[in-house]
C-alpha atoms as a PDB file:
ATOM      1  CA  MET A   1       0.059  -0.285   0.179  1.00  0.00           C
ATOM      2  CA  LEU A   2       1.252   3.484  -0.863  1.00  0.00           C
ATOM      3  CA  ASP A   3       1.550   5.889   2.056  1.00  0.00           C
ATOM      4  CA  ILE A   4      -0.100   9.308   0.144  1.00  0.00           C
ATOM      5  CA  GLU A   5       0.939  11.494   2.932  1.00  0.00           C
ATOM      6  CA  LYS A   6       4.413  10.563   2.510  1.00  0.00           C
ATOM      7  CA  VAL A   7       4.097  11.417  -1.081  1.00  0.00           C
ATOM      8  CA  ALA A   8       2.817  14.433   0.002  1.00  0.00           C
ATOM      9  CA  ASP A   9       6.081  15.151   2.542  1.00  0.00           C
ATOM     10  CA  VAL A  10       8.293  14.171  -0.877  1.00  0.00           C
ATOM     11  CA  ILE A  11       6.851  17.071  -2.571  1.00  0.00           C
ATOM     12  CA  SER A  12       6.546  19.848  -0.494  1.00  0.00           C
ATOM     13  CA  GLU A  13      10.466  18.845   0.225  1.00  0.00           C
ATOM     14  CA  ILE A  14      11.293  19.041  -3.801  1.00  0.00           C
ATOM     15  CA  ALA A  15       9.112  22.244  -3.876  1.00  0.00           C
ATOM     16  CA  GLU A  16      11.154  23.730  -0.613  1.00  0.00           C
ATOM     17  CA  GLN A  17      14.684  22.572  -2.271  1.00  0.00           C
ATOM     18  CA  GLU A  18      14.034  22.631  -6.270  1.00  0.00           C
ATOM     19  CA  ALA A  19      11.359  25.279  -6.703  1.00  0.00           C
ATOM     20  CA  LEU A  20      11.047  27.465  -4.158  1.00  0.00           C
ATOM     21  CA  PRO A  21      14.624  29.107  -4.371  1.00  0.00           C
ATOM     22  CA  ARG A  22      14.347  29.629  -7.667  1.00  0.00           C
ATOM     23  CA  PHE A  23      11.394  31.589  -8.389  1.00  0.00           C
ATOM     24  CA  ARG A  24      11.892  35.356  -9.089  1.00  0.00           C
ATOM     25  CA  ASN A  25      15.865  34.412  -8.683  1.00  0.00           C
ATOM     26  CA  LEU A  26      15.806  32.624 -12.841  1.00  0.00           C
ATOM     27  CA  LYS A  27      18.849  33.628 -14.151  1.00  0.00           C
ATOM     28  CA  ASP A  28      18.798  34.440 -18.303  1.00  0.00           C
ATOM     29  CA  GLU A  29      20.485  30.913 -18.526  1.00  0.00           C
ATOM     30  CA  ASP A  30      17.774  29.295 -16.639  1.00  0.00           C
ATOM     31  CA  VAL A  31      14.833  29.783 -19.326  1.00  0.00           C
ATOM     32  CA  GLN A  32      14.792  28.502 -22.662  1.00  0.00           C
ATOM     33  CA  GLU A  33      12.268  27.789 -25.041  1.00  0.00           C
ATOM     34  CA  LYS A  34      11.815  24.055 -26.052  1.00  0.00           C
ATOM     35  CA  VAL A  35       9.281  24.908 -28.390  1.00  0.00           C
ATOM     36  CA  ALA A  36       7.208  27.927 -30.018  1.00  0.00           C
ATOM     37  CA  GLY A  37       5.647  29.726 -27.381  1.00  0.00           C
ATOM     38  CA  GLU A  38       6.359  27.301 -24.655  1.00  0.00           C
ATOM     39  CA  LEU A  39       9.106  27.687 -22.278  1.00  0.00           C
ATOM     40  CA  VAL A  40      11.156  25.302 -19.713  1.00  0.00           C
ATOM     41  CA  THR A  41      13.228  26.325 -16.446  1.00  0.00           C
ATOM     42  CA  ALA A  42      15.516  25.301 -14.611  1.00  0.00           C
ATOM     43  CA  ALA A  43      13.326  24.870 -12.186  1.00  0.00           C
ATOM     44  CA  ASP A  44      11.105  22.176 -14.131  1.00  0.00           C
ATOM     45  CA  ILE A  45      14.313  20.279 -15.307  1.00  0.00           C
ATOM     46  CA  ALA A  46      15.350  19.834 -11.538  1.00  0.00           C
ATOM     47  CA  VAL A  47      11.977  19.205  -9.841  1.00  0.00           C
ATOM     48  CA  GLU A  48      11.262  16.830 -12.532  1.00  0.00           C
ATOM     49  CA  LYS A  49      14.724  14.886 -11.869  1.00  0.00           C
ATOM     50  CA  ALA A  50      14.602  14.886  -8.066  1.00  0.00           C
ATOM     51  CA  LEU A  51      10.383  13.691  -7.957  1.00  0.00           C
ATOM     52  CA  SER A  52      11.419  10.839 -10.673  1.00  0.00           C
ATOM     53  CA  ALA A  53      13.989   9.967  -8.115  1.00  0.00           C
ATOM     54  CA  ARG A  54      11.690  10.049  -4.874  1.00  0.00           C
ATOM     55  CA  LEU A  55       8.154   8.474  -6.187  1.00  0.00           C
ATOM     56  CA  LEU A  56      10.231   5.348  -8.288  1.00  0.00           C
ATOM     57  CA  ASP A  57      11.949   4.650  -4.730  1.00  0.00           C
ATOM     58  CA  LEU A  58       8.937   4.591  -2.992  1.00  0.00           C
ATOM     59  CA  LEU A  59       7.354   2.633  -5.731  1.00  0.00           C
ATOM     60  CA  PRO A  60       9.747  -0.198  -6.486  1.00  0.00           C
ATOM     61  CA  GLY A  61       8.952  -1.330 -10.699  1.00  0.00           C
ATOM     62  CA  SER A  62       6.966   1.778 -11.048  1.00  0.00           C
ATOM     63  CA  LEU A  63       7.355   3.892 -13.869  1.00  0.00           C
ATOM     64  CA  VAL A  64       7.494   7.693 -14.620  1.00  0.00           C
ATOM     65  CA  VAL A  65       5.797   9.490 -17.348  1.00  0.00           C
ATOM     66  CA  GLY A  66       6.795  13.574 -16.840  1.00  0.00           C
ATOM     67  CA  GLU A  67       6.719  16.633 -18.778  1.00  0.00           C
ATOM     68  CA  GLU A  68      10.560  17.218 -19.325  1.00  0.00           C
ATOM     69  CA  GLY A  69      11.337  13.581 -20.125  1.00  0.00           C
ATOM     70  CA  VAL A  70       8.728  13.532 -22.671  1.00  0.00           C
ATOM     71  CA  HIS A  71      10.161  16.581 -24.414  1.00  0.00           C
ATOM     72  CA  ALA A  72      13.444  14.659 -24.177  1.00  0.00           C
ATOM     73  CA  ASP A  73      11.723  11.408 -25.417  1.00  0.00           C
ATOM     74  CA  PRO A  74       8.562  11.052 -26.407  1.00  0.00           C
ATOM     75  CA  SER A  75       8.385   7.374 -26.952  1.00  0.00           C
ATOM     76  CA  LEU A  76       7.623   7.544 -23.002  1.00  0.00           C
ATOM     77  CA  MET A  77       4.027   8.312 -23.997  1.00  0.00           C
ATOM     78  CA  ARG A  78       3.517   4.334 -25.047  1.00  0.00           C
ATOM     79  CA  HIS A  79       3.610   3.357 -21.126  1.00  0.00           C
ATOM     80  CA  LEU A  80      -0.342   5.233 -21.060  1.00  0.00           C
ATOM     81  CA  ASP A  81      -1.195   2.853 -22.967  1.00  0.00           C
ATOM     82  CA  GLY A  82      -0.362   0.004 -20.923  1.00  0.00           C
ATOM     83  CA  GLU A  83      -1.295  -1.337 -17.622  1.00  0.00           C
ATOM     84  CA  GLN A  84       2.003  -0.528 -15.953  1.00  0.00           C
ATOM     85  CA  THR A  85       1.882   1.505 -12.460  1.00  0.00           C
ATOM     86  CA  LEU A  86       2.998   4.957 -13.807  1.00  0.00           C
ATOM     87  CA  TRP A  87       3.495   8.559 -11.843  1.00  0.00           C
ATOM     88  CA  ILE A  88       2.683  10.975 -14.012  1.00  0.00           C
ATOM     89  CA  ILE A  89       4.646  14.155 -13.206  1.00  0.00           C
ATOM     90  CA  ASP A  90       4.124  18.280 -13.749  1.00  0.00           C
ATOM     91  CA  PRO A  91       6.814  19.478 -12.404  1.00  0.00           C
ATOM     92  CA  ILE A  92       5.827  23.456 -12.903  1.00  0.00           C
ATOM     93  CA  ASP A  93       2.900  23.572 -14.042  1.00  0.00           C
ATOM     94  CA  GLY A  94       2.387  27.165 -15.457  1.00  0.00           C
ATOM     95  CA  THR A  95       5.922  27.617 -16.278  1.00  0.00           C
ATOM     96  CA  ARG A  96       5.277  30.855 -18.073  1.00  0.00           C
ATOM     97  CA  ASN A  97       3.744  32.312 -15.370  1.00  0.00           C
ATOM     98  CA  PHE A  98       6.991  31.110 -12.662  1.00  0.00           C
ATOM     99  CA  ALA A  99       9.681  31.994 -15.194  1.00  0.00           C
ATOM    100  CA  HIS A 100       7.420  36.041 -14.750  1.00  0.00           C
ATOM    101  CA  GLY A 101       7.284  35.517 -11.287  1.00  0.00           C
ATOM    102  CA  ARG A 102       4.120  35.035 -10.873  1.00  0.00           C
ATOM    103  CA  GLU A 103       2.301  32.864  -8.013  1.00  0.00           C
ATOM    104  CA  ALA A 104      -0.126  30.894 -10.136  1.00  0.00           C
ATOM    105  CA  PHE A 105       1.973  27.583 -10.616  1.00  0.00           C
ATOM    106  CA  ALA A 106       1.899  24.276  -9.660  1.00  0.00           C
ATOM    107  CA  ILE A 107       3.847  21.356  -9.187  1.00  0.00           C
ATOM    108  CA  MET A 108       1.056  17.881  -9.636  1.00  0.00           C
ATOM    109  CA  VAL A 109       1.183  13.927  -9.638  1.00  0.00           C
ATOM    110  CA  ALA A 110      -0.496  11.396 -10.047  1.00  0.00           C
ATOM    111  CA  LEU A 111      -0.404   7.687  -9.464  1.00  0.00           C
ATOM    112  CA  VAL A 112      -2.032   5.823 -12.685  1.00  0.00           C
ATOM    113  CA  SER A 113      -2.228   1.584 -12.702  1.00  0.00           C
ATOM    114  CA  GLY A 114      -4.293  -0.125 -14.654  1.00  0.00           C
ATOM    115  CA  ARG A 115      -5.055   3.072 -16.898  1.00  0.00           C
ATOM    116  CA  GLU A 116      -6.578   4.250 -14.098  1.00  0.00           C
ATOM    117  CA  SER A 117      -5.977   7.138 -11.857  1.00  0.00           C
ATOM    118  CA  ARG A 118      -5.511   5.543  -8.457  1.00  0.00           C
ATOM    119  CA  ALA A 119      -4.300   9.112  -6.424  1.00  0.00           C
ATOM    120  CA  ALA A 120      -3.382  12.703  -7.365  1.00  0.00           C
ATOM    121  CA  TRP A 121      -1.411  15.747  -5.794  1.00  0.00           C
ATOM    122  CA  ILE A 122      -1.534  19.393  -6.479  1.00  0.00           C
ATOM    123  CA  LEU A 123       0.931  22.068  -4.426  1.00  0.00           C
ATOM    124  CA  GLU A 124       1.088  25.319  -5.016  1.00  0.00           C
ATOM    125  CA  PRO A 125       4.164  26.497  -3.564  1.00  0.00           C
ATOM    126  CA  ALA A 126       4.038  30.016  -3.540  1.00  0.00           C
ATOM    127  CA  SER A 127       0.800  29.737  -1.396  1.00  0.00           C
ATOM    128  CA  GLY A 128       1.148  26.306   0.209  1.00  0.00           C
ATOM    129  CA  ARG A 129      -2.257  25.050  -1.317  1.00  0.00           C
ATOM    130  CA  PHE A 130      -2.161  21.666  -1.223  1.00  0.00           C
ATOM    131  CA  GLY A 131      -4.925  19.458  -2.731  1.00  0.00           C
ATOM    132  CA  VAL A 132      -4.568  15.496  -2.151  1.00  0.00           C
ATOM    133  CA  ALA A 133      -7.158  12.410  -3.490  1.00  0.00           C
ATOM    134  CA  GLU A 134      -7.556   9.103  -3.560  1.00  0.00           C
ATOM    135  CA  ALA A 135      -9.823   7.074  -5.804  1.00  0.00           C
ATOM    136  CA  GLY A 136     -12.620   6.919  -2.993  1.00  0.00           C
ATOM    137  CA  SER A 137     -11.685   8.385  -0.274  1.00  0.00           C
ATOM    138  CA  GLY A 138     -12.380  12.064  -1.040  1.00  0.00           C
ATOM    139  CA  ALA A 139     -10.517  15.087  -2.067  1.00  0.00           C
ATOM    140  CA  TRP A 140      -8.562  17.172   1.011  1.00  0.00           C
ATOM    141  CA  MET A 141      -7.145  20.126   1.582  1.00  0.00           C
ATOM    142  CA  ALA A 142      -4.962  20.856   4.929  1.00  0.00           C
ATOM    143  CA  GLY A 143      -7.028  18.679   6.827  1.00  0.00           C
ATOM    144  CA  ARG A 144     -10.038  19.690   4.844  1.00  0.00           C
ATOM    145  CA  ARG A 145     -12.728  17.527   2.878  1.00  0.00           C
ATOM    146  CA  LEU A 146     -12.966  19.646  -0.614  1.00  0.00           C
ATOM    147  CA  GLN A 147     -16.317  20.028  -2.156  1.00  0.00           C
ATOM    148  CA  ALA A 148     -16.886  21.227  -5.735  1.00  0.00           C
ATOM    149  CA  ALA A 149     -19.481  23.946  -6.411  1.00  0.00           C
ATOM    150  CA  LEU A 150     -23.272  23.059  -6.441  1.00  0.00           C
ATOM    151  CA  PRO A 151     -24.878  23.382  -9.995  1.00  0.00           C
ATOM    152  CA  ASP A 152     -26.089  26.043 -11.235  1.00  0.00           C
ATOM    153  CA  ARG A 153     -27.963  27.763 -14.553  1.00  0.00           C
ATOM    154  CA  PRO A 154     -25.243  28.307 -16.853  1.00  0.00           C
ATOM    155  CA  GLU A 155     -25.549  31.919 -16.864  1.00  0.00           C
ATOM    156  CA  ALA A 156     -25.211  31.988 -13.542  1.00  0.00           C
ATOM    157  CA  MET A 157     -21.756  29.017 -13.137  1.00  0.00           C
ATOM    158  CA  SER A 158     -18.416  30.639 -13.415  1.00  0.00           C
ATOM    159  CA  GLY A 159     -15.708  29.032 -15.063  1.00  0.00           C
ATOM    160  CA  SER A 160     -12.487  29.428 -17.364  1.00  0.00           C
ATOM    161  CA  LEU A 161     -11.954  28.766 -21.029  1.00  0.00           C
ATOM    162  CA  HIS A 162      -9.298  27.370 -22.742  1.00  0.00           C
ATOM    163  CA  ALA A 163      -9.717  26.921 -26.412  1.00  0.00           C
ATOM    164  CA  SER A 164      -6.595  28.105 -27.620  1.00  0.00           C
ATOM    165  CA  SER A 165      -4.484  27.830 -30.534  1.00  0.00           C
ATOM    166  CA  TYR A 166      -4.361  23.828 -30.187  1.00  0.00           C
ATOM    167  CA  ALA A 167      -7.898  23.750 -30.776  1.00  0.00           C
ATOM    168  CA  PRO A 168      -9.328  23.861 -34.294  1.00  0.00           C
ATOM    169  CA  ARG A 169     -10.697  26.916 -35.840  1.00  0.00           C
ATOM    170  CA  ARG A 170     -14.651  26.046 -35.983  1.00  0.00           C
ATOM    171  CA  LEU A 171     -14.540  24.836 -32.171  1.00  0.00           C
ATOM    172  CA  GLY A 172     -13.097  28.052 -30.943  1.00  0.00           C
ATOM    173  CA  ARG A 173     -15.017  29.772 -32.667  1.00  0.00           C
ATOM    174  CA  ARG A 174     -17.979  27.619 -31.328  1.00  0.00           C
ATOM    175  CA  VAL A 175     -16.984  28.064 -27.465  1.00  0.00           C
ATOM    176  CA  GLU A 176     -16.427  31.702 -27.841  1.00  0.00           C
ATOM    177  CA  LYS A 177     -19.489  32.328 -29.229  1.00  0.00           C
ATOM    178  CA  GLY A 178     -20.744  30.905 -25.871  1.00  0.00           C
ATOM    179  CA  ARG A 179     -18.694  32.772 -23.391  1.00  0.00           C
ATOM    180  CA  ALA A 180     -21.163  35.671 -23.328  1.00  0.00           C
ATOM    181  CA  LYS A 181     -23.807  32.949 -22.056  1.00  0.00           C
ATOM    182  CA  VAL A 182     -21.632  31.333 -19.417  1.00  0.00           C
ATOM    183  CA  ALA A 183     -20.013  33.599 -16.080  1.00  0.00           C
ATOM    184  CA  ALA A 184     -16.994  33.236 -18.199  1.00  0.00           C
ATOM    185  CA  ILE A 185     -13.706  34.585 -15.720  1.00  0.00           C
ATOM    186  CA  ARG A 186     -10.095  34.646 -16.658  1.00  0.00           C
ATOM    187  CA  SER A 187      -7.834  31.960 -16.616  1.00  0.00           C
ATOM    188  CA  LEU A 188      -5.286  31.711 -14.526  1.00  0.00           C
ATOM    189  CA  GLY A 189      -2.847  30.188 -17.021  1.00  0.00           C
ATOM    190  CA  CYS A 190      -1.793  27.165 -14.998  1.00  0.00           C
ATOM    191  CA  ALA A 191      -4.309  24.009 -14.953  1.00  0.00           C
ATOM    192  CA  GLY A 192      -3.041  22.402 -11.246  1.00  0.00           C
ATOM    193  CA  ALA A 193      -4.402  26.240 -10.109  1.00  0.00           C
ATOM    194  CA  GLU A 194      -7.738  26.009 -12.029  1.00  0.00           C
ATOM    195  CA  TYR A 195      -7.838  22.590 -10.539  1.00  0.00           C
ATOM    196  CA  LEU A 196      -7.626  23.345  -6.832  1.00  0.00           C
ATOM    197  CA  ARG A 197     -10.147  26.501  -7.035  1.00  0.00           C
ATOM    198  CA  LEU A 198     -12.585  23.763  -8.881  1.00  0.00           C
ATOM    199  CA  ALA A 199     -11.925  21.099  -6.095  1.00  0.00           C
ATOM    200  CA  GLU A 200     -12.651  24.004  -3.468  1.00  0.00           C
ATOM    201  CA  GLY A 201     -15.594  25.148  -5.687  1.00  0.00           C
ATOM    202  CA  ARG A 202     -14.647  28.447  -6.020  1.00  0.00           C
ATOM    203  CA  THR A 203     -15.792  27.957  -9.565  1.00  0.00           C
ATOM    204  CA  HIS A 204     -18.181  25.855 -10.979  1.00  0.00           C
ATOM    205  CA  PHE A 205     -16.154  24.782 -14.558  1.00  0.00           C
ATOM    206  CA  SER A 206     -13.296  24.783 -16.507  1.00  0.00           C
ATOM    207  CA  LEU A 207     -12.677  23.586 -20.273  1.00  0.00           C
ATOM    208  CA  PHE A 208      -9.487  22.389 -22.169  1.00  0.00           C
ATOM    209  CA  THR A 209      -8.728  21.795 -25.596  1.00  0.00           C
ATOM    210  CA  ARG A 210      -5.472  20.121 -24.866  1.00  0.00           C
ATOM    211  CA  LEU A 211      -4.926  17.191 -22.872  1.00  0.00           C
ATOM    212  CA  MET A 212      -1.470  16.218 -21.857  1.00  0.00           C
ATOM    213  CA  PRO A 213      -1.830  14.027 -19.206  1.00  0.00           C
ATOM    214  CA  TRP A 214       0.318  15.553 -16.495  1.00  0.00           C
ATOM    215  CA  ASP A 215      -1.841  18.699 -16.739  1.00  0.00           C
ATOM    216  CA  HIS A 216      -5.484  16.740 -16.353  1.00  0.00           C
ATOM    217  CA  VAL A 217      -4.937  13.595 -14.563  1.00  0.00           C
ATOM    218  CA  PRO A 218      -3.886  15.071 -11.161  1.00  0.00           C
ATOM    219  CA  GLY A 219      -6.824  17.771 -11.621  1.00  0.00           C
ATOM    220  CA  THR A 220      -9.718  15.515 -13.047  1.00  0.00           C
ATOM    221  CA  LEU A 221      -9.108  12.645 -10.042  1.00  0.00           C
ATOM    222  CA  LEU A 222      -8.986  15.715  -7.461  1.00  0.00           C
ATOM    223  CA  HIS A 223     -11.564  17.205  -8.689  1.00  0.00           C
ATOM    224  CA  ARG A 224     -14.058  13.799  -8.937  1.00  0.00           C
ATOM    225  CA  GLU A 225     -12.837  13.159  -5.374  1.00  0.00           C
ATOM    226  CA  ALA A 226     -14.465  16.498  -4.623  1.00  0.00           C
ATOM    227  CA  GLY A 227     -17.756  16.079  -6.044  1.00  0.00           C
ATOM    228  CA  GLY A 228     -17.441  17.294  -9.376  1.00  0.00           C
ATOM    229  CA  PHE A 229     -18.131  15.865 -13.079  1.00  0.00           C
ATOM    230  CA  SER A 230     -15.753  15.677 -15.864  1.00  0.00           C
ATOM    231  CA  ARG A 231     -16.179  14.364 -19.656  1.00  0.00           C
ATOM    232  CA  CYS A 232     -14.599  14.703 -22.752  1.00  0.00           C
ATOM    233  CA  PHE A 233     -16.015  16.022 -25.283  1.00  0.00           C
ATOM    234  CA  ASP A 234     -17.382  12.603 -27.097  1.00  0.00           C
ATOM    235  CA  ARG A 235     -18.887  12.216 -23.329  1.00  0.00           C
ATOM    236  CA  GLN A 236     -16.554   9.731 -22.268  1.00  0.00           C
ATOM    237  CA  PRO A 237     -14.519  10.081 -19.181  1.00  0.00           C
ATOM    238  CA  TYR A 238     -10.673  10.978 -19.547  1.00  0.00           C
ATOM    239  CA  ARG A 239      -8.150   9.059 -18.664  1.00  0.00           C
ATOM    240  CA  ALA A 240      -4.188   9.378 -18.744  1.00  0.00           C
ATOM    241  CA  ASP A 241      -4.382   7.545 -22.286  1.00  0.00           C
ATOM    242  CA  ARG A 242      -7.031   9.677 -23.723  1.00  0.00           C
ATOM    243  CA  TYR A 243      -4.215  12.937 -24.436  1.00  0.00           C
ATOM    244  CA  ARG A 244      -5.351  12.985 -28.078  1.00  0.00           C
ATOM    245  CA  GLU A 245      -9.066  13.887 -28.149  1.00  0.00           C
ATOM    246  CA  LEU A 246     -10.426  17.259 -28.787  1.00  0.00           C
ATOM    247  CA  GLY A 247     -11.912  18.344 -25.966  1.00  0.00           C
ATOM    248  CA  LEU A 248     -12.400  17.999 -21.827  1.00  0.00           C
ATOM    249  CA  MET A 249     -15.030  19.789 -19.528  1.00  0.00           C
ATOM    250  CA  MET A 250     -15.453  19.770 -16.055  1.00  0.00           C
ATOM    251  CA  ALA A 251     -18.738  20.792 -14.289  1.00  0.00           C
ATOM    252  CA  PRO A 252     -20.677  20.525 -11.009  1.00  0.00           C
ATOM    253  CA  ASP A 253     -22.689  17.167 -11.964  1.00  0.00           C
ATOM    254  CA  GLU A 254     -23.742  15.194 -15.472  1.00  0.00           C
ATOM    255  CA  ALA A 255     -26.834  17.415 -15.713  1.00  0.00           C
ATOM    256  CA  SER A 256     -24.687  20.773 -15.062  1.00  0.00           C
ATOM    257  CA  TRP A 257     -22.344  19.498 -17.621  1.00  0.00           C
ATOM    258  CA  GLU A 258     -25.153  18.370 -20.053  1.00  0.00           C
ATOM    259  CA  ALA A 259     -26.067  22.176 -19.999  1.00  0.00           C
ATOM    260  CA  LEU A 260     -22.962  23.670 -20.561  1.00  0.00           C
ATOM    261  CA  TYR A 261     -22.286  21.467 -23.811  1.00  0.00           C
ATOM    262  CA  GLY A 262     -25.363  22.813 -24.661  1.00  0.00           C
ATOM    263  CA  VAL A 263     -24.280  26.588 -24.415  1.00  0.00           C
ATOM    264  CA  LEU A 264     -20.744  25.605 -25.272  1.00  0.00           C
ATOM    265  CA  LEU A 265     -20.283  23.348 -27.792  1.00  0.00           C
ATOM    266  CA  ALA A 266     -23.636  22.027 -29.283  1.00  0.00           C
ATOM    267  CA  GLU A 267     -23.819  23.126 -33.254  1.00  0.00           C
ATOM    268  CA  ASP A 268     -26.436  25.852 -34.315  1.00  0.00           C
END
């Protein structure tokens, strides 16, 4: 059996050792553009390296699929289609925020076994907010059980819409057309921070059109264990191996998900 709190302690320690000392203290050479428009910092590299070593020690025989590791070796994504026990790691989610000294960044970790999410950890190092979830045991923060927002009418539900440049143009236009029909709020530029406020019930929904596993596997489990509901746009559950899907939306429950789908995604 895995000790959920021990993993949380490891994540906190590495945040203190590798992320926070570099926050607002990066040198020019510590920030690179790994692909057009996408940054990587020395903190991303250091955090993933340290987390990978510590987590593999905690669970011998497991494997790591981390954002920076996949950038170096894309073939690692093949593990998502298997039955292995995996650690999925986003060492610094919201790297652009981190690089510009903004506090909305997170360290995200999920444990997946047999393609199912088993546990999730999302730490926002600058604020200390730390959401932890284990499948079937609820979502928690500092001893408090988290509860997703209650459903409401679409126009009264608040949330963020991420129909980015990764979305097909037609889809982006549909989402933008529906934006005025909901209480859309500004994105935090960090999926981890978005998932924390969803699980705390501070927002009702979030829509994403880029589904890389390190961005969403931890958060969808945390949100689900807080009582929320999520589906890909094909109405099927999101899993780590579904990163090729068109999009993903979170809502308080199935009925409100359908209502939001109707105003944001339904064809004319």
